Amino acid sequence: MTAQGLADTLGKSKRQIERILSNLKADGRLERVGAAKSGRWVGWVVKGYGAMNKDIFSFVIYMIHACANHWKQNPSEVYKNMKSTNCIMGFLVPNYEILHTQSTKYIVEDIKEYFNVRGISI
């Protein structure tokens, strides 16, 4: 995932994402392991969401995009709804071990039901 990809998903500018990543690196909460092209980021800590590893972080981003594509919405709108309903830390992250083995369509439907119960109609 690139800084631009994160910016598009979260509805932020690329510069804002770069600043956030820079601050996380400076605080020692985000570290690059390996070469620039073949390495990876470890110690993902996202403000407001606590620590999550790269697999969980990638899964959350993937599900934001999958929902956006399925519902024909902008990823930033889906993210805002997930944030306002605590879907990320209240549903996706705690259930990652089970959810990531399910089909995308099944998870998208689960998220839609999660939203409906919380008053957001898709």
PDB file of N, CA and C in Angstrom:
ATOM      1  N   MET A   1       0.853  -1.169   0.000  1.00  0.00           N
ATOM      2  CA  MET A   1       0.000   0.000   0.000  1.00  0.00           C
ATOM      3  C   MET A   1       0.900   1.234   0.000  1.00  0.00           C
ATOM      4  N   THR A   2       0.628   2.133  -0.883  1.00  0.00           N
ATOM      5  CA  THR A   2       1.407   3.361  -0.979  1.00  0.00           C
ATOM      6  C   THR A   2       0.777   4.449  -0.122  1.00  0.00           C
ATOM      7  N   ALA A   3       1.536   5.520   0.081  1.00  0.00           N
ATOM      8  CA  ALA A   3       1.002   6.670   0.808  1.00  0.00           C
ATOM      9  C   ALA A   3      -0.208   7.229   0.072  1.00  0.00           C
ATOM     10  N   GLN A   4      -0.152   7.259  -1.246  1.00  0.00           N
ATOM     11  CA  GLN A   4      -1.282   7.756  -2.035  1.00  0.00           C
ATOM     12  C   GLN A   4      -2.490   6.841  -1.876  1.00  0.00           C
ATOM     13  N   GLY A   5      -2.265   5.530  -1.839  1.00  0.00           N
ATOM     14  CA  GLY A   5      -3.354   4.578  -1.628  1.00  0.00           C
ATOM     15  C   GLY A   5      -4.021   4.774  -0.280  1.00  0.00           C
ATOM     16  N   LEU A   6      -3.207   4.991   0.756  1.00  0.00           N
ATOM     17  CA  LEU A   6      -3.752   5.277   2.082  1.00  0.00           C
ATOM     18  C   LEU A   6      -4.538   6.585   2.073  1.00  0.00           C
ATOM     19  N   ALA A   7      -3.988   7.587   1.412  1.00  0.00           N
ATOM     20  CA  ALA A   7      -4.654   8.889   1.342  1.00  0.00           C
ATOM     21  C   ALA A   7      -6.026   8.756   0.683  1.00  0.00           C
ATOM     22  N   ASP A   8      -6.075   8.035  -0.430  1.00  0.00           N
ATOM     23  CA  ASP A   8      -7.344   7.844  -1.135  1.00  0.00           C
ATOM     24  C   ASP A   8      -8.354   7.104  -0.266  1.00  0.00           C
ATOM     25  N   THR A   9      -7.894   6.068   0.430  1.00  0.00           N
ATOM     26  CA  THR A   9      -8.768   5.266   1.272  1.00  0.00           C
ATOM     27  C   THR A   9      -9.310   6.055   2.448  1.00  0.00           C
ATOM     28  N   LEU A  10      -8.439   6.833   3.075  1.00  0.00           N
ATOM     29  CA  LEU A  10      -8.824   7.539   4.298  1.00  0.00           C
ATOM     30  C   LEU A  10      -9.361   8.940   4.051  1.00  0.00           C
ATOM     31  N   GLY A  11      -9.371   9.368   2.790  1.00  0.00           N
ATOM     32  CA  GLY A  11      -9.885  10.693   2.481  1.00  0.00           C
ATOM     33  C   GLY A  11      -8.987  11.811   2.963  1.00  0.00           C
ATOM     34  N   LYS A  12      -7.694  11.549   2.974  1.00  0.00           N
ATOM     35  CA  LYS A  12      -6.695  12.534   3.404  1.00  0.00           C
ATOM     36  C   LYS A  12      -5.804  12.849   2.208  1.00  0.00           C
ATOM     37  N   SER A  13      -4.997  13.893   2.349  1.00  0.00           N
ATOM     38  CA  SER A  13      -4.038  14.184   1.292  1.00  0.00           C
ATOM     39  C   SER A  13      -2.814  13.280   1.461  1.00  0.00           C
ATOM     40  N   LYS A  14      -2.091  13.085   0.388  1.00  0.00           N
ATOM     41  CA  LYS A  14      -0.873  12.284   0.447  1.00  0.00           C
ATOM     42  C   LYS A  14       0.100  12.907   1.440  1.00  0.00           C
ATOM     43  N   ARG A  15       0.176  14.212   1.468  1.00  0.00           N
ATOM     44  CA  ARG A  15       1.077  14.912   2.385  1.00  0.00           C
ATOM     45  C   ARG A  15       0.690  14.641   3.844  1.00  0.00           C
ATOM     46  N   GLN A  16      -0.609  14.636   4.143  1.00  0.00           N
ATOM     47  CA  GLN A  16      -1.049  14.346   5.507  1.00  0.00           C
ATOM     48  C   GLN A  16      -0.624  12.929   5.912  1.00  0.00           C
ATOM     49  N   ILE A  17      -0.795  11.976   5.006  1.00  0.00           N
ATOM     50  CA  ILE A  17      -0.404  10.594   5.293  1.00  0.00           C
ATOM     51  C   ILE A  17       1.100  10.509   5.503  1.00  0.00           C
ATOM     52  N   GLU A  18       1.862  11.174   4.666  1.00  0.00           N
ATOM     53  CA  GLU A  18       3.327  11.166   4.815  1.00  0.00           C
ATOM     54  C   GLU A  18       3.729  11.762   6.162  1.00  0.00           C
ATOM     55  N   ARG A  19       3.050  12.816   6.583  1.00  0.00           N
ATOM     56  CA  ARG A  19       3.343  13.449   7.878  1.00  0.00           C
ATOM     57  C   ARG A  19       3.016  12.489   9.026  1.00  0.00           C
ATOM     58  N   ILE A  20       1.882  11.820   8.940  1.00  0.00           N
ATOM     59  CA  ILE A  20       1.488  10.861   9.979  1.00  0.00           C
ATOM     60  C   ILE A  20       2.504   9.720  10.049  1.00  0.00           C
ATOM     61  N   LEU A  21       2.887   9.180   8.899  1.00  0.00           N
ATOM     62  CA  LEU A  21       3.871   8.094   8.872  1.00  0.00           C
ATOM     63  C   LEU A  21       5.212   8.558   9.428  1.00  0.00           C
ATOM     64  N   SER A  22       5.600   9.768   9.087  1.00  0.00           N
ATOM     65  CA  SER A  22       6.852  10.327   9.594  1.00  0.00           C
ATOM     66  C   SER A  22       6.823  10.436  11.117  1.00  0.00           C
ATOM     67  N   ASN A  23       5.700  10.910  11.653  1.00  0.00           N
ATOM     68  CA  ASN A  23       5.554  11.020  13.111  1.00  0.00           C
ATOM     69  C   ASN A  23       5.587   9.655  13.779  1.00  0.00           C
ATOM     70  N   LEU A  24       4.924   8.666  13.174  1.00  0.00           N
ATOM     71  CA  LEU A  24       4.935   7.315  13.734  1.00  0.00           C
ATOM     72  C   LEU A  24       6.346   6.729  13.733  1.00  0.00           C
ATOM     73  N   LYS A  25       7.088   6.987  12.658  1.00  0.00           N
ATOM     74  CA  LYS A  25       8.475   6.509  12.596  1.00  0.00           C
ATOM     75  C   LYS A  25       9.329   7.217  13.641  1.00  0.00           C
ATOM     76  N   ALA A  26       9.143   8.521  13.774  1.00  0.00           N
ATOM     77  CA  ALA A  26       9.930   9.298  14.738  1.00  0.00           C
ATOM     78  C   ALA A  26       9.634   8.860  16.172  1.00  0.00           C
ATOM     79  N   ASP A  27       8.394   8.454  16.434  1.00  0.00           N
ATOM     80  CA  ASP A  27       8.003   7.992  17.764  1.00  0.00           C
ATOM     81  C   ASP A  27       8.407   6.541  18.018  1.00  0.00           C
ATOM     82  N   GLY A  28       8.950   5.883  16.996  1.00  0.00           N
ATOM     83  CA  GLY A  28       9.345   4.491  17.138  1.00  0.00           C
ATOM     84  C   GLY A  28       8.175   3.521  17.109  1.00  0.00           C
ATOM     85  N   ARG A  29       7.025   3.970  16.622  1.00  0.00           N
ATOM     86  CA  ARG A  29       5.849   3.103  16.577  1.00  0.00           C
ATOM     87  C   ARG A  29       5.663   2.443  15.222  1.00  0.00           C
ATOM     88  N   LEU A  30       6.501   2.808  14.260  1.00  0.00           N
ATOM     89  CA  LEU A  30       6.442   2.232  12.927  1.00  0.00           C
ATOM     90  C   LEU A  30       7.866   2.082  12.443  1.00  0.00           C
ATOM     91  N   GLU A  31       8.217   0.882  12.010  1.00  0.00           N
ATOM     92  CA  GLU A  31       9.596   0.620  11.626  1.00  0.00           C
ATOM     93  C   GLU A  31       9.640  -0.141  10.313  1.00  0.00           C
ATOM     94  N   ARG A  32      10.555   0.244   9.458  1.00  0.00           N
ATOM     95  CA  ARG A  32      10.755  -0.425   8.177  1.00  0.00           C
ATOM     96  C   ARG A  32      11.800  -1.515   8.362  1.00  0.00           C
ATOM     97  N   VAL A  33      11.474  -2.732   7.946  1.00  0.00           N
ATOM     98  CA  VAL A  33      12.402  -3.855   8.033  1.00  0.00           C
ATOM     99  C   VAL A  33      12.692  -4.314   6.611  1.00  0.00           C
ATOM    100  N   GLY A  34      13.962  -4.328   6.258  1.00  0.00           N
ATOM    101  CA  GLY A  34      14.352  -4.771   4.920  1.00  0.00           C
ATOM    102  C   GLY A  34      14.552  -3.623   3.965  1.00  0.00           C
ATOM    103  N   ALA A  35      14.782  -3.993   2.717  1.00  0.00           N
ATOM    104  CA  ALA A  35      15.075  -3.022   1.664  1.00  0.00           C
ATOM    105  C   ALA A  35      13.837  -2.202   1.305  1.00  0.00           C
ATOM    106  N   ALA A  36      14.068  -1.080   0.647  1.00  0.00           N
ATOM    107  CA  ALA A  36      12.981  -0.160   0.299  1.00  0.00           C
ATOM    108  C   ALA A  36      11.890  -0.847  -0.527  1.00  0.00           C
ATOM    109  N   LYS A  37      12.288  -1.663  -1.499  1.00  0.00           N
ATOM    110  CA  LYS A  37      11.285  -2.286  -2.371  1.00  0.00           C
ATOM    111  C   LYS A  37      10.817  -3.648  -1.877  1.00  0.00           C
ATOM    112  N   SER A  38      11.685  -4.391  -1.225  1.00  0.00           N
ATOM    113  CA  SER A  38      11.309  -5.743  -0.810  1.00  0.00           C
ATOM    114  C   SER A  38      11.021  -5.858   0.679  1.00  0.00           C
ATOM    115  N   GLY A  39      11.222  -4.778   1.426  1.00  0.00           N
ATOM    116  CA  GLY A  39      11.007  -4.810   2.868  1.00  0.00           C
ATOM    117  C   GLY A  39       9.543  -4.664   3.239  1.00  0.00           C
ATOM    118  N   ARG A  40       9.312  -4.510   4.543  1.00  0.00           N
ATOM    119  CA  ARG A  40       7.942  -4.361   5.024  1.00  0.00           C
ATOM    120  C   ARG A  40       7.924  -3.468   6.259  1.00  0.00           C
ATOM    121  N   TRP A  41       6.752  -2.956   6.571  1.00  0.00           N
ATOM    122  CA  TRP A  41       6.547  -2.152   7.766  1.00  0.00           C
ATOM    123  C   TRP A  41       6.081  -3.053   8.892  1.00  0.00           C
ATOM    124  N   VAL A  42       6.575  -2.829  10.085  1.00  0.00           N
ATOM    125  CA  VAL A  42       6.134  -3.596  11.254  1.00  0.00           C
ATOM    126  C   VAL A  42       5.758  -2.632  12.376  1.00  0.00           C
ATOM    127  N   GLY A  43       4.953  -3.136  13.297  1.00  0.00           N
ATOM    128  CA  GLY A  43       4.555  -2.319  14.442  1.00  0.00           C
ATOM    129  C   GLY A  43       3.502  -1.305  14.097  1.00  0.00           C
ATOM    130  N   TRP A  44       2.592  -1.658  13.222  1.00  0.00           N
ATOM    131  CA  TRP A  44       1.548  -0.711  12.834  1.00  0.00           C
ATOM    132  C   TRP A  44       0.779  -0.234  14.053  1.00  0.00           C
ATOM    133  N   VAL A  45       0.786   1.039  14.247  1.00  0.00           N
ATOM    134  CA  VAL A  45      -0.018   1.662  15.287  1.00  0.00           C
ATOM    135  C   VAL A  45      -0.744   2.813  14.610  1.00  0.00           C
ATOM    136  N   VAL A  46      -2.046   2.720  14.563  1.00  0.00           N
ATOM    137  CA  VAL A  46      -2.837   3.728  13.884  1.00  0.00           C
ATOM    138  C   VAL A  46      -3.599   4.530  14.933  1.00  0.00           C
ATOM    139  N   LYS A  47      -3.425   5.840  14.900  1.00  0.00           N
ATOM    140  CA  LYS A  47      -4.057   6.715  15.892  1.00  0.00           C
ATOM    141  C   LYS A  47      -5.546   6.398  15.996  1.00  0.00           C
ATOM    142  N   GLY A  48      -5.974   6.173  17.206  1.00  0.00           N
ATOM    143  CA  GLY A  48      -7.376   5.862  17.441  1.00  0.00           C
ATOM    144  C   GLY A  48      -7.698   4.384  17.332  1.00  0.00           C
ATOM    145  N   TYR A  49      -6.759   3.586  16.809  1.00  0.00           N
ATOM    146  CA  TYR A  49      -7.028   2.166  16.620  1.00  0.00           C
ATOM    147  C   TYR A  49      -6.029   1.274  17.341  1.00  0.00           C
ATOM    148  N   GLY A  50      -4.985   1.842  17.914  1.00  0.00           N
ATOM    149  CA  GLY A  50      -3.994   1.027  18.610  1.00  0.00           C
ATOM    150  C   GLY A  50      -3.119   0.267  17.637  1.00  0.00           C
ATOM    151  N   ALA A  51      -2.521  -0.790  18.150  1.00  0.00           N
ATOM    152  CA  ALA A  51      -1.576  -1.568  17.352  1.00  0.00           C
ATOM    153  C   ALA A  51      -2.307  -2.601  16.511  1.00  0.00           C
ATOM    154  N   MET A  52      -1.854  -2.743  15.287  1.00  0.00           N
ATOM    155  CA  MET A  52      -2.322  -3.837  14.444  1.00  0.00           C
ATOM    156  C   MET A  52      -1.190  -4.218  13.517  1.00  0.00           C
ATOM    157  N   ASN A  53      -1.053  -5.501  13.271  1.00  0.00           N
ATOM    158  CA  ASN A  53       0.040  -5.923  12.401  1.00  0.00           C
ATOM    159  C   ASN A  53      -0.304  -5.659  10.943  1.00  0.00           C
ATOM    160  N   LYS A  54       0.658  -5.869  10.098  1.00  0.00           N
ATOM    161  CA  LYS A  54       0.491  -5.534   8.683  1.00  0.00           C
ATOM    162  C   LYS A  54      -0.629  -6.340   8.040  1.00  0.00           C
ATOM    163  N   ASP A  55      -0.770  -7.607   8.408  1.00  0.00           N
ATOM    164  CA  ASP A  55      -1.817  -8.432   7.821  1.00  0.00           C
ATOM    165  C   ASP A  55      -3.204  -7.890   8.168  1.00  0.00           C
ATOM    166  N   ILE A  56      -3.399  -7.525   9.417  1.00  0.00           N
ATOM    167  CA  ILE A  56      -4.694  -6.984   9.832  1.00  0.00           C
ATOM    168  C   ILE A  56      -4.930  -5.631   9.186  1.00  0.00           C
ATOM    169  N   PHE A  57      -3.897  -4.798   9.160  1.00  0.00           N
ATOM    170  CA  PHE A  57      -4.012  -3.484   8.533  1.00  0.00           C
ATOM    171  C   PHE A  57      -4.391  -3.630   7.056  1.00  0.00           C
ATOM    172  N   SER A  58      -3.707  -4.524   6.362  1.00  0.00           N
ATOM    173  CA  SER A  58      -4.003  -4.755   4.939  1.00  0.00           C
ATOM    174  C   SER A  58      -5.419  -5.286   4.751  1.00  0.00           C
ATOM    175  N   PHE A  59      -5.852  -6.177   5.648  1.00  0.00           N
ATOM    176  CA  PHE A  59      -7.199  -6.723   5.589  1.00  0.00           C
ATOM    177  C   PHE A  59      -8.239  -5.616   5.743  1.00  0.00           C
ATOM    178  N   VAL A  60      -8.043  -4.724   6.708  1.00  0.00           N
ATOM    179  CA  VAL A  60      -8.980  -3.625   6.932  1.00  0.00           C
ATOM    180  C   VAL A  60      -9.051  -2.729   5.691  1.00  0.00           C
ATOM    181  N   ILE A  61      -7.908  -2.371   5.145  1.00  0.00           N
ATOM    182  CA  ILE A  61      -7.884  -1.534   3.933  1.00  0.00           C
ATOM    183  C   ILE A  61      -8.572  -2.250   2.777  1.00  0.00           C
ATOM    184  N   TYR A  62      -8.282  -3.541   2.629  1.00  0.00           N
ATOM    185  CA  TYR A  62      -8.914  -4.333   1.565  1.00  0.00           C
ATOM    186  C   TYR A  62     -10.429  -4.322   1.725  1.00  0.00           C
ATOM    187  N   MET A  63     -10.928  -4.497   2.950  1.00  0.00           N
ATOM    188  CA  MET A  63     -12.371  -4.542   3.176  1.00  0.00           C
ATOM    189  C   MET A  63     -13.018  -3.181   2.943  1.00  0.00           C
ATOM    190  N   ILE A  64     -12.319  -2.102   3.257  1.00  0.00           N
ATOM    191  CA  ILE A  64     -12.850  -0.771   2.950  1.00  0.00           C
ATOM    192  C   ILE A  64     -13.077  -0.650   1.449  1.00  0.00           C
ATOM    193  N   HIS A  65     -12.079  -1.063   0.673  1.00  0.00           N
ATOM    194  CA  HIS A  65     -12.197  -0.993  -0.793  1.00  0.00           C
ATOM    195  C   HIS A  65     -13.232  -1.974  -1.330  1.00  0.00           C
ATOM    196  N   ALA A  66     -13.299  -3.169  -0.766  1.00  0.00           N
ATOM    197  CA  ALA A  66     -14.278  -4.164  -1.226  1.00  0.00           C
ATOM    198  C   ALA A  66     -15.701  -3.653  -0.993  1.00  0.00           C
ATOM    199  N   CYS A  67     -15.950  -3.093   0.174  1.00  0.00           N
ATOM    200  CA  CYS A  67     -17.266  -2.525   0.465  1.00  0.00           C
ATOM    201  C   CYS A  67     -17.576  -1.367  -0.475  1.00  0.00           C
ATOM    202  N   ALA A  68     -16.601  -0.504  -0.667  1.00  0.00           N
ATOM    203  CA  ALA A  68     -16.798   0.649  -1.558  1.00  0.00           C
ATOM    204  C   ALA A  68     -17.150   0.182  -2.971  1.00  0.00           C
ATOM    205  N   ASN A  69     -16.440  -0.809  -3.469  1.00  0.00           N
ATOM    206  CA  ASN A  69     -16.717  -1.325  -4.815  1.00  0.00           C
ATOM    207  C   ASN A  69     -18.092  -1.976  -4.875  1.00  0.00           C
ATOM    208  N   HIS A  70     -18.420  -2.784  -3.884  1.00  0.00           N
ATOM    209  CA  HIS A  70     -19.693  -3.500  -3.867  1.00  0.00           C
ATOM    210  C   HIS A  70     -20.867  -2.528  -3.757  1.00  0.00           C
ATOM    211  N   TRP A  71     -20.724  -1.504  -2.938  1.00  0.00           N
ATOM    212  CA  TRP A  71     -21.808  -0.556  -2.695  1.00  0.00           C
ATOM    213  C   TRP A  71     -21.740   0.670  -3.593  1.00  0.00           C
ATOM    214  N   LYS A  72     -20.740   0.703  -4.477  1.00  0.00           N
ATOM    215  CA  LYS A  72     -20.545   1.832  -5.391  1.00  0.00           C
ATOM    216  C   LYS A  72     -20.446   3.153  -4.634  1.00  0.00           C
ATOM    217  N   GLN A  73     -19.581   3.144  -3.610  1.00  0.00           N
ATOM    218  CA  GLN A  73     -19.318   4.336  -2.800  1.00  0.00           C
ATOM    219  C   GLN A  73     -17.828   4.653  -2.857  1.00  0.00           C
ATOM    220  N   ASN A  74     -17.507   5.840  -2.430  1.00  0.00           N
ATOM    221  CA  ASN A  74     -16.114   6.248  -2.305  1.00  0.00           C
ATOM    222  C   ASN A  74     -15.522   5.557  -1.070  1.00  0.00           C
ATOM    223  N   PRO A  75     -14.278   5.040  -1.146  1.00  0.00           N
ATOM    224  CA  PRO A  75     -13.674   4.404   0.021  1.00  0.00           C
ATOM    225  C   PRO A  75     -13.645   5.304   1.258  1.00  0.00           C
ATOM    226  N   SER A  76     -13.486   6.606   1.067  1.00  0.00           N
ATOM    227  CA  SER A  76     -13.459   7.500   2.228  1.00  0.00           C
ATOM    228  C   SER A  76     -14.819   7.542   2.931  1.00  0.00           C
ATOM    229  N   GLU A  77     -15.924   7.380   2.177  1.00  0.00           N
ATOM    230  CA  GLU A  77     -17.257   7.323   2.787  1.00  0.00           C
ATOM    231  C   GLU A  77     -17.412   6.051   3.613  1.00  0.00           C
ATOM    232  N   VAL A  78     -16.954   4.931   3.055  1.00  0.00           N
ATOM    233  CA  VAL A  78     -17.021   3.663   3.782  1.00  0.00           C
ATOM    234  C   VAL A  78     -16.182   3.765   5.051  1.00  0.00           C
ATOM    235  N   TYR A  79     -14.993   4.329   4.929  1.00  0.00           N
ATOM    236  CA  TYR A  79     -14.130   4.493   6.107  1.00  0.00           C
ATOM    237  C   TYR A  79     -14.816   5.337   7.178  1.00  0.00           C
ATOM    238  N   LYS A  80     -15.441   6.433   6.774  1.00  0.00           N
ATOM    239  CA  LYS A  80     -16.133   7.300   7.745  1.00  0.00           C
ATOM    240  C   LYS A  80     -17.233   6.525   8.473  1.00  0.00           C
ATOM    241  N   ASN A  81     -17.983   5.708   7.729  1.00  0.00           N
ATOM    242  CA  ASN A  81     -19.029   4.903   8.357  1.00  0.00           C
ATOM    243  C   ASN A  81     -18.431   3.861   9.292  1.00  0.00           C
ATOM    244  N   MET A  82     -17.335   3.241   8.876  1.00  0.00           N
ATOM    245  CA  MET A  82     -16.669   2.257   9.739  1.00  0.00           C
ATOM    246  C   MET A  82     -16.153   2.919  11.010  1.00  0.00           C
ATOM    247  N   LYS A  83     -15.602   4.102  10.844  1.00  0.00           N
ATOM    248  CA  LYS A  83     -15.069   4.825  11.995  1.00  0.00           C
ATOM    249  C   LYS A  83     -16.190   5.229  12.950  1.00  0.00           C
ATOM    250  N   SER A  84     -17.286   5.750  12.418  1.00  0.00           N
ATOM    251  CA  SER A  84     -18.373   6.240  13.263  1.00  0.00           C
ATOM    252  C   SER A  84     -19.109   5.118  13.991  1.00  0.00           C
ATOM    253  N   THR A  85     -19.062   3.900  13.463  1.00  0.00           N
ATOM    254  CA  THR A  85     -19.749   2.770  14.095  1.00  0.00           C
ATOM    255  C   THR A  85     -18.799   1.853  14.854  1.00  0.00           C
ATOM    256  N   ASN A  86     -17.515   2.217  14.897  1.00  0.00           N
ATOM    257  CA  ASN A  86     -16.498   1.393  15.551  1.00  0.00           C
ATOM    258  C   ASN A  86     -16.370   0.022  14.891  1.00  0.00           C
ATOM    259  N   CYS A  87     -16.632  -0.040  13.604  1.00  0.00           N
ATOM    260  CA  CYS A  87     -16.580  -1.302  12.872  1.00  0.00           C
ATOM    261  C   CYS A  87     -15.161  -1.864  12.804  1.00  0.00           C
ATOM    262  N   ILE A  88     -14.182  -1.001  12.691  1.00  0.00           N
ATOM    263  CA  ILE A  88     -12.806  -1.481  12.540  1.00  0.00           C
ATOM    264  C   ILE A  88     -12.341  -2.172  13.813  1.00  0.00           C
ATOM    265  N   MET A  89     -12.363  -1.456  14.940  1.00  0.00           N
ATOM    266  CA  MET A  89     -11.862  -2.038  16.189  1.00  0.00           C
ATOM    267  C   MET A  89     -12.915  -2.863  16.925  1.00  0.00           C
ATOM    268  N   GLY A  90     -14.186  -2.674  16.598  1.00  0.00           N
ATOM    269  CA  GLY A  90     -15.235  -3.416  17.279  1.00  0.00           C
ATOM    270  C   GLY A  90     -15.667  -4.672  16.556  1.00  0.00           C
ATOM    271  N   PHE A  91     -15.277  -4.794  15.277  1.00  0.00           N
ATOM    272  CA  PHE A  91     -15.714  -5.956  14.499  1.00  0.00           C
ATOM    273  C   PHE A  91     -14.581  -6.572  13.679  1.00  0.00           C
ATOM    274  N   LEU A  92     -13.977  -5.800  12.786  1.00  0.00           N
ATOM    275  CA  LEU A  92     -12.985  -6.374  11.870  1.00  0.00           C
ATOM    276  C   LEU A  92     -11.730  -6.869  12.584  1.00  0.00           C
ATOM    277  N   VAL A  93     -11.126  -6.030  13.410  1.00  0.00           N
ATOM    278  CA  VAL A  93      -9.868  -6.410  14.062  1.00  0.00           C
ATOM    279  C   VAL A  93     -10.065  -7.564  15.053  1.00  0.00           C
ATOM    280  N   PRO A  94     -11.054  -7.490  15.965  1.00  0.00           N
ATOM    281  CA  PRO A  94     -11.180  -8.600  16.921  1.00  0.00           C
ATOM    282  C   PRO A  94     -11.563  -9.931  16.267  1.00  0.00           C
ATOM    283  N   ASN A  95     -12.213  -9.872  15.114  1.00  0.00           N
ATOM    284  CA  ASN A  95     -12.654 -11.091  14.437  1.00  0.00           C
ATOM    285  C   ASN A  95     -11.805 -11.443  13.221  1.00  0.00           C
ATOM    286  N   TYR A  96     -10.650 -10.812  13.100  1.00  0.00           N
ATOM    287  CA  TYR A  96      -9.782 -11.013  11.945  1.00  0.00           C
ATOM    288  C   TYR A  96      -9.479 -12.488  11.690  1.00  0.00           C
ATOM    289  N   GLU A  97      -9.120 -13.230  12.723  1.00  0.00           N
ATOM    290  CA  GLU A  97      -8.717 -14.632  12.544  1.00  0.00           C
ATOM    291  C   GLU A  97      -9.809 -15.460  11.871  1.00  0.00           C
ATOM    292  N   ILE A  98     -11.054 -15.151  12.145  1.00  0.00           N
ATOM    293  CA  ILE A  98     -12.164 -15.861  11.510  1.00  0.00           C
ATOM    294  C   ILE A  98     -12.501 -15.226  10.165  1.00  0.00           C
ATOM    295  N   LEU A  99     -12.635 -13.902  10.150  1.00  0.00           N
ATOM    296  CA  LEU A  99     -13.094 -13.201   8.952  1.00  0.00           C
ATOM    297  C   LEU A  99     -12.168 -13.375   7.761  1.00  0.00           C
ATOM    298  N   HIS A 100     -10.857 -13.334   7.975  1.00  0.00           N
ATOM    299  CA  HIS A 100      -9.961 -13.366   6.813  1.00  0.00           C
ATOM    300  C   HIS A 100      -9.993 -14.709   6.081  1.00  0.00           C
ATOM    301  N   THR A 101     -10.649 -15.711   6.670  1.00  0.00           N
ATOM    302  CA  THR A 101     -10.786 -17.006   5.995  1.00  0.00           C
ATOM    303  C   THR A 101     -12.090 -17.101   5.206  1.00  0.00           C
ATOM    304  N   GLN A 102     -12.949 -16.097   5.329  1.00  0.00           N
ATOM    305  CA  GLN A 102     -14.254 -16.096   4.670  1.00  0.00           C
ATOM    306  C   GLN A 102     -14.168 -15.391   3.319  1.00  0.00           C
ATOM    307  N   SER A 103     -15.197 -15.559   2.512  1.00  0.00           N
ATOM    308  CA  SER A 103     -15.230 -14.893   1.209  1.00  0.00           C
ATOM    309  C   SER A 103     -15.461 -13.392   1.399  1.00  0.00           C
ATOM    310  N   THR A 104     -14.967 -12.620   0.462  1.00  0.00           N
ATOM    311  CA  THR A 104     -15.147 -11.171   0.503  1.00  0.00           C
ATOM    312  C   THR A 104     -16.628 -10.822   0.534  1.00  0.00           C
ATOM    313  N   LYS A 105     -17.413 -11.495  -0.309  1.00  0.00           N
ATOM    314  CA  LYS A 105     -18.852 -11.214  -0.382  1.00  0.00           C
ATOM    315  C   LYS A 105     -19.519 -11.433   0.979  1.00  0.00           C
ATOM    316  N   TYR A 106     -19.145 -12.495   1.661  1.00  0.00           N
ATOM    317  CA  TYR A 106     -19.706 -12.803   2.977  1.00  0.00           C
ATOM    318  C   TYR A 106     -19.365 -11.697   3.979  1.00  0.00           C
ATOM    319  N   ILE A 107     -18.126 -11.249   3.979  1.00  0.00           N
ATOM    320  CA  ILE A 107     -17.705 -10.209   4.929  1.00  0.00           C
ATOM    321  C   ILE A 107     -18.379  -8.881   4.616  1.00  0.00           C
ATOM    322  N   VAL A 108     -18.499  -8.550   3.333  1.00  0.00           N
ATOM    323  CA  VAL A 108     -19.184  -7.316   2.939  1.00  0.00           C
ATOM    324  C   VAL A 108     -20.626  -7.344   3.453  1.00  0.00           C
ATOM    325  N   GLU A 109     -21.296  -8.475   3.340  1.00  0.00           N
ATOM    326  CA  GLU A 109     -22.664  -8.600   3.841  1.00  0.00           C
ATOM    327  C   GLU A 109     -22.708  -8.479   5.369  1.00  0.00           C
ATOM    328  N   ASP A 110     -21.707  -9.055   6.047  1.00  0.00           N
ATOM    329  CA  ASP A 110     -21.628  -8.914   7.508  1.00  0.00           C
ATOM    330  C   ASP A 110     -21.452  -7.455   7.918  1.00  0.00           C
ATOM    331  N   ILE A 111     -20.604  -6.738   7.189  1.00  0.00           N
ATOM    332  CA  ILE A 111     -20.380  -5.314   7.490  1.00  0.00           C
ATOM    333  C   ILE A 111     -21.658  -4.522   7.234  1.00  0.00           C
ATOM    334  N   LYS A 112     -22.358  -4.854   6.156  1.00  0.00           N
ATOM    335  CA  LYS A 112     -23.632  -4.183   5.858  1.00  0.00           C
ATOM    336  C   LYS A 112     -24.624  -4.405   6.994  1.00  0.00           C
ATOM    337  N   GLU A 113     -24.712  -5.626   7.500  1.00  0.00           N
ATOM    338  CA  GLU A 113     -25.598  -5.927   8.627  1.00  0.00           C
ATOM    339  C   GLU A 113     -25.145  -5.174   9.884  1.00  0.00           C
ATOM    340  N   TYR A 114     -23.824  -5.127  10.112  1.00  0.00           N
ATOM    341  CA  TYR A 114     -23.258  -4.390  11.239  1.00  0.00           C
ATOM    342  C   TYR A 114     -23.693  -2.923  11.175  1.00  0.00           C
ATOM    343  N   PHE A 115     -23.608  -2.326   9.975  1.00  0.00           N
ATOM    344  CA  PHE A 115     -24.027  -0.938   9.791  1.00  0.00           C
ATOM    345  C   PHE A 115     -25.529  -0.785  10.036  1.00  0.00           C
ATOM    346  N   ASN A 116     -26.325  -1.692   9.470  1.00  0.00           N
ATOM    347  CA  ASN A 116     -27.794  -1.596   9.612  1.00  0.00           C
ATOM    348  C   ASN A 116     -28.219  -1.609  11.073  1.00  0.00           C
ATOM    349  N   VAL A 117     -27.612  -2.476  11.868  1.00  0.00           N
ATOM    350  CA  VAL A 117     -27.936  -2.562  13.293  1.00  0.00           C
ATOM    351  C   VAL A 117     -27.623  -1.244  13.990  1.00  0.00           C
ATOM    352  N   ARG A 118     -26.650  -0.516  13.475  1.00  0.00           N
ATOM    353  CA  ARG A 118     -26.218   0.749  14.075  1.00  0.00           C
ATOM    354  C   ARG A 118     -26.825   1.977  13.377  1.00  0.00           C
ATOM    355  N   GLY A 119     -27.837   1.740  12.553  1.00  0.00           N
ATOM    356  CA  GLY A 119     -28.585   2.841  11.970  1.00  0.00           C
ATOM    357  C   GLY A 119     -28.035   3.421  10.673  1.00  0.00           C
ATOM    358  N   ILE A 120     -27.073   2.736  10.055  1.00  0.00           N
ATOM    359  CA  ILE A 120     -26.548   3.213   8.770  1.00  0.00           C
ATOM    360  C   ILE A 120     -27.061   2.286   7.684  1.00  0.00           C
ATOM    361  N   SER A 121     -27.829   2.843   6.773  1.00  0.00           N
ATOM    362  CA  SER A 121     -28.420   2.075   5.692  1.00  0.00           C
ATOM    363  C   SER A 121     -27.537   2.154   4.448  1.00  0.00           C
ATOM    364  N   ILE A 122     -27.279   1.006   3.876  1.00  0.00           N
ATOM    365  CA  ILE A 122     -26.468   0.942   2.642  1.00  0.00           C
ATOM    366  C   ILE A 122     -27.388   0.678   1.468  1.00  0.00           C
TER     367      ILE A 122
END
